[in-house]
Amino acid sequence: MSIGLGYDVHALVEGRPLVLGGVTLPHDRGLAGHSDADVLAHALMDAVLGAMRAGDIGQHFPDTDPAWAGISSMELVRRVGALMREGGFELVDADCVLVLERPRIAPYRDEMRVNLAEALGVDPARVGVKATTTEGLGIAGREEGVAAQAVVLLGRLSA
C-alpha cells in the first residue's frame, strides 16, 4: 500500500468557466490556469502521482508546453490513471475536499465523483468528494480563489 497527498489552488478570474471535478458549475467567475484549472482534478492527480513516487502534474504536464493549453483536466486524470495502472498500482480509495465559499457543491458532488472515478478507471464508490468554506477567511473566504486537497491509497496490482 502507498498513500499520496495532493493540493492545488487557482485564482478566480472573469471570463472563464468554473470547472470542478469535470463539471462546469454556474458561477460569475472561473479559475485561471493553463488547462481548465480544475483544482479538484489537479489535487487528485498529484495525490496519485505522489503515492506512486512519480513526481507531480507540473512534471508530467508542464504549463510551459502548449500541448496542454486549455486541455480538459479529465483527460489529464485519464492519463494519470493509465500511468497508475502501467506502474502496477490500483486505486483503493481517494478522499477529496474543495475549499470555497460558493457555489454550493452538494448538487454536483455525485457527478464529480463519477467523472473522476471514470477518468481513473475505478468504481465511483472509491472516490469521495466534499466541500467546506473558510467562513470568510483567506483566499477562499475572500472568494479570490478555490483550493482542493486529496488523499489516496494505492495498492499493488496482483501479478
N, C-alpha and C. Protein backbone atom coordinates (compact mmCIF):
# COMPACT_ATOMS: atom_id res chain seq x y z
N MET A 1 0.84 -1.18 0.00
CA MET A 1 0.00 0.00 0.00
C MET A 1 0.88 1.24 0.00
N SER A 2 0.36 2.29 -0.60
CA SER A 2 1.08 3.55 -0.68
C SER A 2 0.06 4.69 -0.61
N ILE A 3 0.39 5.76 0.13
CA ILE A 3 -0.52 6.89 0.22
C ILE A 3 0.08 8.10 -0.47
N GLY A 4 -0.79 9.00 -0.91
CA GLY A 4 -0.36 10.23 -1.54
C GLY A 4 -1.28 11.36 -1.15
N LEU A 5 -0.73 12.56 -1.07
CA LEU A 5 -1.48 13.75 -0.72
C LEU A 5 -1.31 14.77 -1.84
N GLY A 6 -2.41 15.36 -2.26
CA GLY A 6 -2.35 16.38 -3.30
C GLY A 6 -3.03 17.65 -2.86
N TYR A 7 -2.55 18.78 -3.35
CA TYR A 7 -3.12 20.09 -3.03
C TYR A 7 -2.99 20.98 -4.26
N ASP A 8 -4.02 21.79 -4.51
CA ASP A 8 -3.93 22.76 -5.59
C ASP A 8 -4.80 23.96 -5.24
N VAL A 9 -4.44 25.10 -5.80
CA VAL A 9 -5.22 26.33 -5.64
C VAL A 9 -5.07 27.15 -6.90
N HIS A 10 -6.16 27.76 -7.35
CA HIS A 10 -6.15 28.65 -8.51
C HIS A 10 -6.98 29.88 -8.19
N ALA A 11 -6.61 30.98 -8.80
CA ALA A 11 -7.34 32.24 -8.62
C ALA A 11 -8.63 32.23 -9.43
N LEU A 12 -9.65 32.86 -8.87
CA LEU A 12 -10.89 33.09 -9.60
C LEU A 12 -10.73 34.34 -10.47
N VAL A 13 -11.12 34.23 -11.75
CA VAL A 13 -11.00 35.34 -12.68
C VAL A 13 -12.25 35.44 -13.55
N GLU A 14 -12.48 36.60 -14.09
CA GLU A 14 -13.59 36.83 -15.01
C GLU A 14 -13.28 36.18 -16.36
N GLY A 15 -14.34 35.79 -17.06
CA GLY A 15 -14.19 35.33 -18.43
C GLY A 15 -13.81 33.88 -18.61
N ARG A 16 -13.83 33.10 -17.55
CA ARG A 16 -13.54 31.66 -17.66
C ARG A 16 -14.64 30.88 -16.96
N PRO A 17 -14.94 29.67 -17.46
CA PRO A 17 -15.93 28.84 -16.75
C PRO A 17 -15.32 28.25 -15.48
N LEU A 18 -16.16 27.97 -14.51
CA LEU A 18 -15.72 27.30 -13.28
C LEU A 18 -15.93 25.81 -13.46
N VAL A 19 -14.81 25.08 -13.60
CA VAL A 19 -14.84 23.63 -13.80
C VAL A 19 -14.24 22.97 -12.57
N LEU A 20 -15.03 22.11 -11.93
CA LEU A 20 -14.57 21.37 -10.75
C LEU A 20 -15.01 19.92 -10.87
N GLY A 21 -14.08 19.00 -10.78
CA GLY A 21 -14.42 17.59 -10.92
C GLY A 21 -15.02 17.26 -12.27
N GLY A 22 -14.63 18.02 -13.29
CA GLY A 22 -15.14 17.80 -14.63
C GLY A 22 -16.54 18.34 -14.87
N VAL A 23 -17.08 19.08 -13.93
CA VAL A 23 -18.42 19.66 -14.04
C VAL A 23 -18.28 21.17 -14.19
N THR A 24 -18.94 21.74 -15.18
CA THR A 24 -18.98 23.20 -15.31
C THR A 24 -20.12 23.72 -14.45
N LEU A 25 -19.75 24.49 -13.43
CA LEU A 25 -20.73 24.99 -12.47
C LEU A 25 -21.16 26.41 -12.81
N PRO A 26 -22.40 26.75 -12.50
CA PRO A 26 -22.84 28.14 -12.72
C PRO A 26 -22.15 29.05 -11.71
N HIS A 27 -21.41 30.02 -12.22
CA HIS A 27 -20.69 30.95 -11.35
C HIS A 27 -20.29 32.16 -12.19
N ASP A 28 -20.08 33.30 -11.54
CA ASP A 28 -19.73 34.52 -12.26
C ASP A 28 -18.26 34.56 -12.68
N ARG A 29 -17.43 33.66 -12.15
CA ARG A 29 -16.02 33.61 -12.49
C ARG A 29 -15.57 32.16 -12.59
N GLY A 30 -14.42 31.97 -13.22
CA GLY A 30 -13.81 30.65 -13.31
C GLY A 30 -12.38 30.70 -12.80
N LEU A 31 -11.68 29.60 -12.94
CA LEU A 31 -10.32 29.51 -12.41
C LEU A 31 -9.27 29.76 -13.49
N ALA A 32 -8.27 30.56 -13.13
CA ALA A 32 -7.17 30.87 -14.04
C ALA A 32 -6.20 29.70 -14.08
N GLY A 33 -5.74 29.37 -15.27
CA GLY A 33 -4.76 28.30 -15.39
C GLY A 33 -4.46 27.97 -16.84
N HIS A 34 -3.44 27.16 -17.04
CA HIS A 34 -3.01 26.75 -18.38
C HIS A 34 -4.02 25.78 -19.00
N SER A 35 -4.52 24.86 -18.18
CA SER A 35 -5.55 23.93 -18.62
C SER A 35 -6.90 24.55 -18.25
N ASP A 36 -7.90 23.71 -17.97
CA ASP A 36 -9.18 24.26 -17.49
C ASP A 36 -9.12 24.63 -16.01
N ALA A 37 -7.97 24.40 -15.38
CA ALA A 37 -7.68 24.81 -13.99
C ALA A 37 -8.58 24.13 -12.96
N ASP A 38 -8.99 22.91 -13.23
CA ASP A 38 -9.85 22.14 -12.33
C ASP A 38 -9.03 21.72 -11.10
N VAL A 39 -9.11 22.51 -10.03
CA VAL A 39 -8.28 22.25 -8.85
C VAL A 39 -8.56 20.90 -8.21
N LEU A 40 -9.80 20.44 -8.29
CA LEU A 40 -10.15 19.14 -7.70
C LEU A 40 -9.42 18.02 -8.44
N ALA A 41 -9.48 18.05 -9.76
CA ALA A 41 -8.78 17.05 -10.57
C ALA A 41 -7.28 17.13 -10.35
N HIS A 42 -6.75 18.35 -10.27
CA HIS A 42 -5.31 18.52 -10.10
C HIS A 42 -4.83 17.98 -8.76
N ALA A 43 -5.58 18.24 -7.69
CA ALA A 43 -5.19 17.71 -6.38
C ALA A 43 -5.22 16.19 -6.39
N LEU A 44 -6.24 15.62 -7.01
CA LEU A 44 -6.34 14.15 -7.08
C LEU A 44 -5.19 13.56 -7.88
N MET A 45 -4.86 14.17 -9.01
CA MET A 45 -3.74 13.67 -9.81
C MET A 45 -2.43 13.73 -9.04
N ASP A 46 -2.19 14.85 -8.35
CA ASP A 46 -0.96 14.96 -7.57
C ASP A 46 -0.91 13.92 -6.45
N ALA A 47 -2.06 13.61 -5.86
CA ALA A 47 -2.09 12.58 -4.82
C ALA A 47 -1.73 11.22 -5.40
N VAL A 48 -2.29 10.89 -6.56
CA VAL A 48 -1.98 9.60 -7.20
C VAL A 48 -0.50 9.55 -7.58
N LEU A 49 -0.02 10.59 -8.21
CA LEU A 49 1.40 10.61 -8.61
C LEU A 49 2.31 10.55 -7.39
N GLY A 50 1.93 11.23 -6.32
CA GLY A 50 2.72 11.19 -5.09
C GLY A 50 2.78 9.81 -4.49
N ALA A 51 1.64 9.11 -4.47
CA ALA A 51 1.61 7.75 -3.93
C ALA A 51 2.48 6.81 -4.75
N MET A 52 2.61 7.10 -6.04
CA MET A 52 3.46 6.28 -6.91
C MET A 52 4.92 6.70 -6.85
N ARG A 53 5.20 7.84 -6.18
CA ARG A 53 6.54 8.45 -6.16
C ARG A 53 6.98 8.80 -7.57
N ALA A 54 6.00 9.34 -8.35
CA ALA A 54 6.22 9.64 -9.76
C ALA A 54 6.18 11.14 -10.05
N GLY A 55 6.58 11.95 -9.08
CA GLY A 55 6.62 13.39 -9.33
C GLY A 55 5.26 14.04 -9.13
N ASP A 56 5.00 15.08 -9.93
CA ASP A 56 3.76 15.82 -9.80
C ASP A 56 3.24 16.21 -11.18
N ILE A 57 2.07 16.85 -11.21
CA ILE A 57 1.48 17.17 -12.51
C ILE A 57 2.30 18.20 -13.28
N GLY A 58 3.04 19.05 -12.57
CA GLY A 58 3.90 20.01 -13.25
C GLY A 58 5.01 19.33 -14.05
N GLN A 59 5.48 18.18 -13.58
CA GLN A 59 6.48 17.41 -14.32
C GLN A 59 5.87 16.72 -15.53
N HIS A 60 4.69 16.14 -15.34
CA HIS A 60 4.05 15.37 -16.40
C HIS A 60 3.34 16.24 -17.43
N PHE A 61 2.78 17.36 -16.99
CA PHE A 61 2.00 18.23 -17.87
C PHE A 61 2.41 19.69 -17.63
N PRO A 62 3.63 20.07 -17.97
CA PRO A 62 4.13 21.42 -17.65
C PRO A 62 3.32 22.52 -18.33
N ASP A 63 3.12 23.62 -17.59
CA ASP A 63 2.35 24.72 -18.14
C ASP A 63 3.14 25.52 -19.17
N THR A 64 4.36 25.11 -19.43
CA THR A 64 5.17 25.72 -20.48
C THR A 64 4.98 25.00 -21.81
N ASP A 65 4.26 23.88 -21.80
CA ASP A 65 4.04 23.08 -23.01
C ASP A 65 2.69 23.45 -23.62
N PRO A 66 2.70 24.01 -24.83
CA PRO A 66 1.44 24.41 -25.45
C PRO A 66 0.48 23.24 -25.70
N ALA A 67 0.98 22.02 -25.68
CA ALA A 67 0.11 20.85 -25.88
C ALA A 67 -0.96 20.75 -24.81
N TRP A 68 -0.70 21.31 -23.62
CA TRP A 68 -1.65 21.19 -22.51
C TRP A 68 -2.53 22.43 -22.35
N ALA A 69 -2.33 23.44 -23.21
CA ALA A 69 -3.11 24.68 -23.10
C ALA A 69 -4.59 24.41 -23.32
N GLY A 70 -5.40 24.77 -22.33
CA GLY A 70 -6.85 24.64 -22.44
C GLY A 70 -7.39 23.22 -22.35
N ILE A 71 -6.53 22.24 -22.10
CA ILE A 71 -6.97 20.84 -22.08
C ILE A 71 -7.91 20.59 -20.90
N SER A 72 -8.84 19.68 -21.10
CA SER A 72 -9.71 19.25 -20.01
C SER A 72 -8.89 18.47 -19.00
N SER A 73 -9.04 18.82 -17.74
CA SER A 73 -8.32 18.09 -16.70
C SER A 73 -8.78 16.63 -16.62
N MET A 74 -9.98 16.33 -17.09
CA MET A 74 -10.43 14.94 -17.09
C MET A 74 -9.54 14.10 -18.01
N GLU A 75 -9.07 14.69 -19.11
CA GLU A 75 -8.13 13.98 -19.99
C GLU A 75 -6.82 13.74 -19.26
N LEU A 76 -6.38 14.71 -18.48
CA LEU A 76 -5.15 14.54 -17.71
C LEU A 76 -5.33 13.47 -16.63
N VAL A 77 -6.50 13.43 -15.99
CA VAL A 77 -6.78 12.38 -14.99
C VAL A 77 -6.73 11.01 -15.67
N ARG A 78 -7.29 10.91 -16.88
CA ARG A 78 -7.23 9.64 -17.61
C ARG A 78 -5.79 9.20 -17.82
N ARG A 79 -4.94 10.15 -18.19
CA ARG A 79 -3.53 9.83 -18.42
C ARG A 79 -2.83 9.40 -17.13
N VAL A 80 -3.16 10.05 -16.03
CA VAL A 80 -2.59 9.66 -14.74
C VAL A 80 -3.10 8.28 -14.34
N GLY A 81 -4.38 7.99 -14.60
CA GLY A 81 -4.92 6.65 -14.34
C GLY A 81 -4.18 5.59 -15.13
N ALA A 82 -3.87 5.88 -16.38
CA ALA A 82 -3.11 4.93 -17.21
C ALA A 82 -1.70 4.74 -16.65
N LEU A 83 -1.05 5.84 -16.23
CA LEU A 83 0.27 5.73 -15.61
C LEU A 83 0.22 4.89 -14.34
N MET A 84 -0.86 5.07 -13.57
CA MET A 84 -1.03 4.32 -12.33
C MET A 84 -1.08 2.80 -12.63
N ARG A 85 -1.90 2.44 -13.59
CA ARG A 85 -2.02 1.01 -13.94
C ARG A 85 -0.72 0.47 -14.54
N GLU A 86 -0.10 1.27 -15.44
CA GLU A 86 1.17 0.86 -16.04
C GLU A 86 2.25 0.67 -14.98
N GLY A 87 2.17 1.45 -13.90
CA GLY A 87 3.14 1.34 -12.81
C GLY A 87 2.82 0.20 -11.86
N GLY A 88 1.74 -0.53 -12.12
CA GLY A 88 1.41 -1.69 -11.29
C GLY A 88 0.57 -1.35 -10.06
N PHE A 89 -0.13 -0.22 -10.10
CA PHE A 89 -0.95 0.21 -8.97
C PHE A 89 -2.43 0.20 -9.30
N GLU A 90 -3.25 0.12 -8.25
CA GLU A 90 -4.68 0.33 -8.39
C GLU A 90 -5.13 1.28 -7.28
N LEU A 91 -6.14 2.07 -7.58
CA LEU A 91 -6.68 2.98 -6.58
C LEU A 91 -7.57 2.20 -5.62
N VAL A 92 -7.21 2.18 -4.36
CA VAL A 92 -8.02 1.55 -3.33
C VAL A 92 -9.07 2.55 -2.85
N ASP A 93 -8.65 3.80 -2.60
CA ASP A 93 -9.57 4.81 -2.10
C ASP A 93 -8.99 6.20 -2.31
N ALA A 94 -9.88 7.16 -2.52
CA ALA A 94 -9.49 8.57 -2.63
C ALA A 94 -10.52 9.41 -1.88
N ASP A 95 -10.06 10.40 -1.16
CA ASP A 95 -10.94 11.33 -0.49
C ASP A 95 -10.47 12.74 -0.84
N CYS A 96 -11.40 13.55 -1.32
CA CYS A 96 -11.07 14.89 -1.81
C CYS A 96 -11.94 15.93 -1.13
N VAL A 97 -11.39 17.13 -0.93
CA VAL A 97 -12.16 18.23 -0.36
C VAL A 97 -11.87 19.51 -1.14
N LEU A 98 -12.96 20.19 -1.51
CA LEU A 98 -12.87 21.51 -2.13
C LEU A 98 -13.01 22.56 -1.05
N VAL A 99 -12.29 23.67 -1.19
CA VAL A 99 -12.35 24.77 -0.24
C VAL A 99 -12.79 26.02 -1.01
N LEU A 100 -14.04 26.43 -0.80
CA LEU A 100 -14.59 27.59 -1.49
C LEU A 100 -15.85 28.07 -0.77
N GLU A 101 -16.18 29.31 -0.97
CA GLU A 101 -17.38 29.87 -0.35
C GLU A 101 -18.63 29.56 -1.16
N ARG A 102 -18.51 29.67 -2.47
CA ARG A 102 -19.63 29.39 -3.35
C ARG A 102 -19.10 29.04 -4.71
N PRO A 103 -19.85 28.36 -5.54
CA PRO A 103 -21.22 27.89 -5.32
C PRO A 103 -21.25 26.65 -4.42
N ARG A 104 -22.45 26.30 -4.00
CA ARG A 104 -22.62 25.08 -3.20
C ARG A 104 -22.29 23.87 -4.07
N ILE A 105 -21.59 22.93 -3.50
CA ILE A 105 -21.10 21.76 -4.24
C ILE A 105 -22.06 20.57 -4.16
N ALA A 106 -22.84 20.49 -3.11
CA ALA A 106 -23.70 19.31 -2.88
C ALA A 106 -24.50 18.87 -4.11
N PRO A 107 -25.10 19.79 -4.87
CA PRO A 107 -25.89 19.33 -6.03
C PRO A 107 -25.05 18.67 -7.13
N TYR A 108 -23.75 18.88 -7.11
CA TYR A 108 -22.86 18.39 -8.17
C TYR A 108 -21.90 17.29 -7.71
N ARG A 109 -21.92 17.01 -6.43
CA ARG A 109 -20.96 16.08 -5.82
C ARG A 109 -20.93 14.71 -6.51
N ASP A 110 -22.08 14.10 -6.70
CA ASP A 110 -22.10 12.76 -7.29
C ASP A 110 -21.59 12.76 -8.72
N GLU A 111 -21.93 13.79 -9.48
CA GLU A 111 -21.42 13.88 -10.86
C GLU A 111 -19.90 14.02 -10.86
N MET A 112 -19.36 14.81 -9.93
CA MET A 112 -17.91 14.95 -9.81
C MET A 112 -17.26 13.61 -9.47
N ARG A 113 -17.85 12.90 -8.51
CA ARG A 113 -17.30 11.60 -8.12
C ARG A 113 -17.27 10.65 -9.31
N VAL A 114 -18.36 10.60 -10.05
CA VAL A 114 -18.43 9.71 -11.21
C VAL A 114 -17.40 10.12 -12.26
N ASN A 115 -17.31 11.41 -12.56
CA ASN A 115 -16.33 11.88 -13.56
C ASN A 115 -14.91 11.49 -13.19
N LEU A 116 -14.53 11.76 -11.95
CA LEU A 116 -13.17 11.46 -11.51
C LEU A 116 -12.90 9.96 -11.51
N ALA A 117 -13.86 9.19 -11.01
CA ALA A 117 -13.70 7.73 -10.97
C ALA A 117 -13.59 7.14 -12.37
N GLU A 118 -14.47 7.57 -13.27
CA GLU A 118 -14.42 7.06 -14.65
C GLU A 118 -13.09 7.40 -15.30
N ALA A 119 -12.60 8.63 -15.08
CA ALA A 119 -11.33 9.02 -15.67
C ALA A 119 -10.17 8.18 -15.13
N LEU A 120 -10.26 7.77 -13.87
CA LEU A 120 -9.22 6.91 -13.28
C LEU A 120 -9.45 5.43 -13.57
N GLY A 121 -10.63 5.10 -14.07
CA GLY A 121 -10.95 3.71 -14.38
C GLY A 121 -11.30 2.89 -13.15
N VAL A 122 -11.97 3.52 -12.17
CA VAL A 122 -12.36 2.81 -10.95
C VAL A 122 -13.83 3.03 -10.65
N ASP A 123 -14.35 2.24 -9.73
CA ASP A 123 -15.73 2.38 -9.28
C ASP A 123 -15.89 3.70 -8.53
N PRO A 124 -16.98 4.44 -8.78
CA PRO A 124 -17.20 5.70 -8.06
C PRO A 124 -17.24 5.55 -6.53
N ALA A 125 -17.52 4.37 -6.03
CA ALA A 125 -17.52 4.15 -4.58
C ALA A 125 -16.12 4.36 -3.99
N ARG A 126 -15.10 4.37 -4.82
CA ARG A 126 -13.73 4.55 -4.34
C ARG A 126 -13.28 6.01 -4.29
N VAL A 127 -14.14 6.92 -4.73
CA VAL A 127 -13.78 8.34 -4.79
C VAL A 127 -14.78 9.17 -3.98
N GLY A 128 -14.29 9.85 -2.97
CA GLY A 128 -15.13 10.74 -2.17
C GLY A 128 -14.84 12.19 -2.52
N VAL A 129 -15.90 13.00 -2.53
CA VAL A 129 -15.78 14.44 -2.76
C VAL A 129 -16.64 15.16 -1.74
N LYS A 130 -16.08 16.16 -1.12
CA LYS A 130 -16.84 17.01 -0.21
C LYS A 130 -16.30 18.42 -0.33
N ALA A 131 -16.98 19.35 0.34
CA ALA A 131 -16.56 20.75 0.26
C ALA A 131 -16.71 21.40 1.62
N THR A 132 -15.92 22.45 1.81
CA THR A 132 -16.01 23.24 3.03
C THR A 132 -15.77 24.70 2.68
N THR A 133 -16.19 25.58 3.56
CA THR A 133 -15.88 27.00 3.43
C THR A 133 -14.79 27.34 4.45
N THR A 134 -14.29 28.55 4.36
CA THR A 134 -13.35 29.02 5.37
C THR A 134 -13.96 30.16 6.18
N GLU A 135 -15.27 30.26 6.10
CA GLU A 135 -16.02 31.26 6.87
C GLU A 135 -15.46 32.67 6.68
N GLY A 136 -15.16 32.98 5.41
CA GLY A 136 -14.72 34.32 5.07
C GLY A 136 -13.23 34.57 5.23
N LEU A 137 -12.47 33.58 5.65
CA LEU A 137 -11.04 33.76 5.90
C LEU A 137 -10.20 33.30 4.71
N GLY A 138 -9.10 33.98 4.46
CA GLY A 138 -8.13 33.56 3.46
C GLY A 138 -8.59 33.73 2.02
N ILE A 139 -7.81 33.14 1.11
CA ILE A 139 -8.06 33.25 -0.33
C ILE A 139 -9.45 32.75 -0.69
N ALA A 140 -9.81 31.58 -0.19
CA ALA A 140 -11.13 31.02 -0.50
C ALA A 140 -12.23 31.85 0.16
N GLY A 141 -12.01 32.26 1.38
CA GLY A 141 -13.02 33.02 2.11
C GLY A 141 -13.32 34.37 1.49
N ARG A 142 -12.30 35.00 0.93
CA ARG A 142 -12.48 36.29 0.25
C ARG A 142 -12.92 36.09 -1.19
N GLU A 143 -13.12 34.85 -1.58
CA GLU A 143 -13.53 34.47 -2.94
C GLU A 143 -12.54 34.95 -3.99
N GLU A 144 -11.26 34.87 -3.64
CA GLU A 144 -10.19 35.19 -4.58
C GLU A 144 -9.76 33.94 -5.35
N GLY A 145 -10.05 32.76 -4.79
CA GLY A 145 -9.64 31.52 -5.42
C GLY A 145 -10.34 30.33 -4.81
N VAL A 146 -10.03 29.17 -5.37
CA VAL A 146 -10.57 27.89 -4.91
C VAL A 146 -9.39 26.95 -4.68
N ALA A 147 -9.44 26.20 -3.59
CA ALA A 147 -8.40 25.23 -3.28
C ALA A 147 -9.01 23.83 -3.19
N ALA A 148 -8.17 22.83 -3.30
CA ALA A 148 -8.61 21.45 -3.14
C ALA A 148 -7.47 20.63 -2.56
N GLN A 149 -7.85 19.63 -1.77
CA GLN A 149 -6.90 18.65 -1.25
C GLN A 149 -7.44 17.26 -1.56
N ALA A 150 -6.53 16.33 -1.71
CA ALA A 150 -6.92 14.94 -1.95
C ALA A 150 -5.90 14.02 -1.30
N VAL A 151 -6.40 12.92 -0.77
CA VAL A 151 -5.54 11.87 -0.26
C VAL A 151 -5.97 10.57 -0.92
N VAL A 152 -4.99 9.76 -1.31
CA VAL A 152 -5.31 8.48 -1.95
C VAL A 152 -4.54 7.35 -1.28
N LEU A 153 -5.12 6.18 -1.40
CA LEU A 153 -4.47 4.94 -1.01
C LEU A 153 -4.38 4.08 -2.26
N LEU A 154 -3.16 3.72 -2.64
CA LEU A 154 -2.94 2.84 -3.77
C LEU A 154 -2.47 1.50 -3.28
N GLY A 155 -2.85 0.46 -4.00
CA GLY A 155 -2.36 -0.88 -3.73
C GLY A 155 -1.65 -1.41 -4.97
N ARG A 156 -0.80 -2.38 -4.79
CA ARG A 156 -0.11 -3.02 -5.90
C ARG A 156 -1.06 -3.98 -6.59
N LEU A 157 -1.08 -3.95 -7.92
CA LEU A 157 -1.88 -4.89 -8.69
C LEU A 157 -1.30 -6.30 -8.52
N SER A 158 -2.16 -7.27 -8.48
CA SER A 158 -1.70 -8.67 -8.41
C SER A 158 -1.09 -9.06 -9.73
N ALA A 159 -0.01 -9.80 -9.67
CA ALA A 159 0.68 -10.22 -10.89
C ALA A 159 0.03 -11.42 -11.51
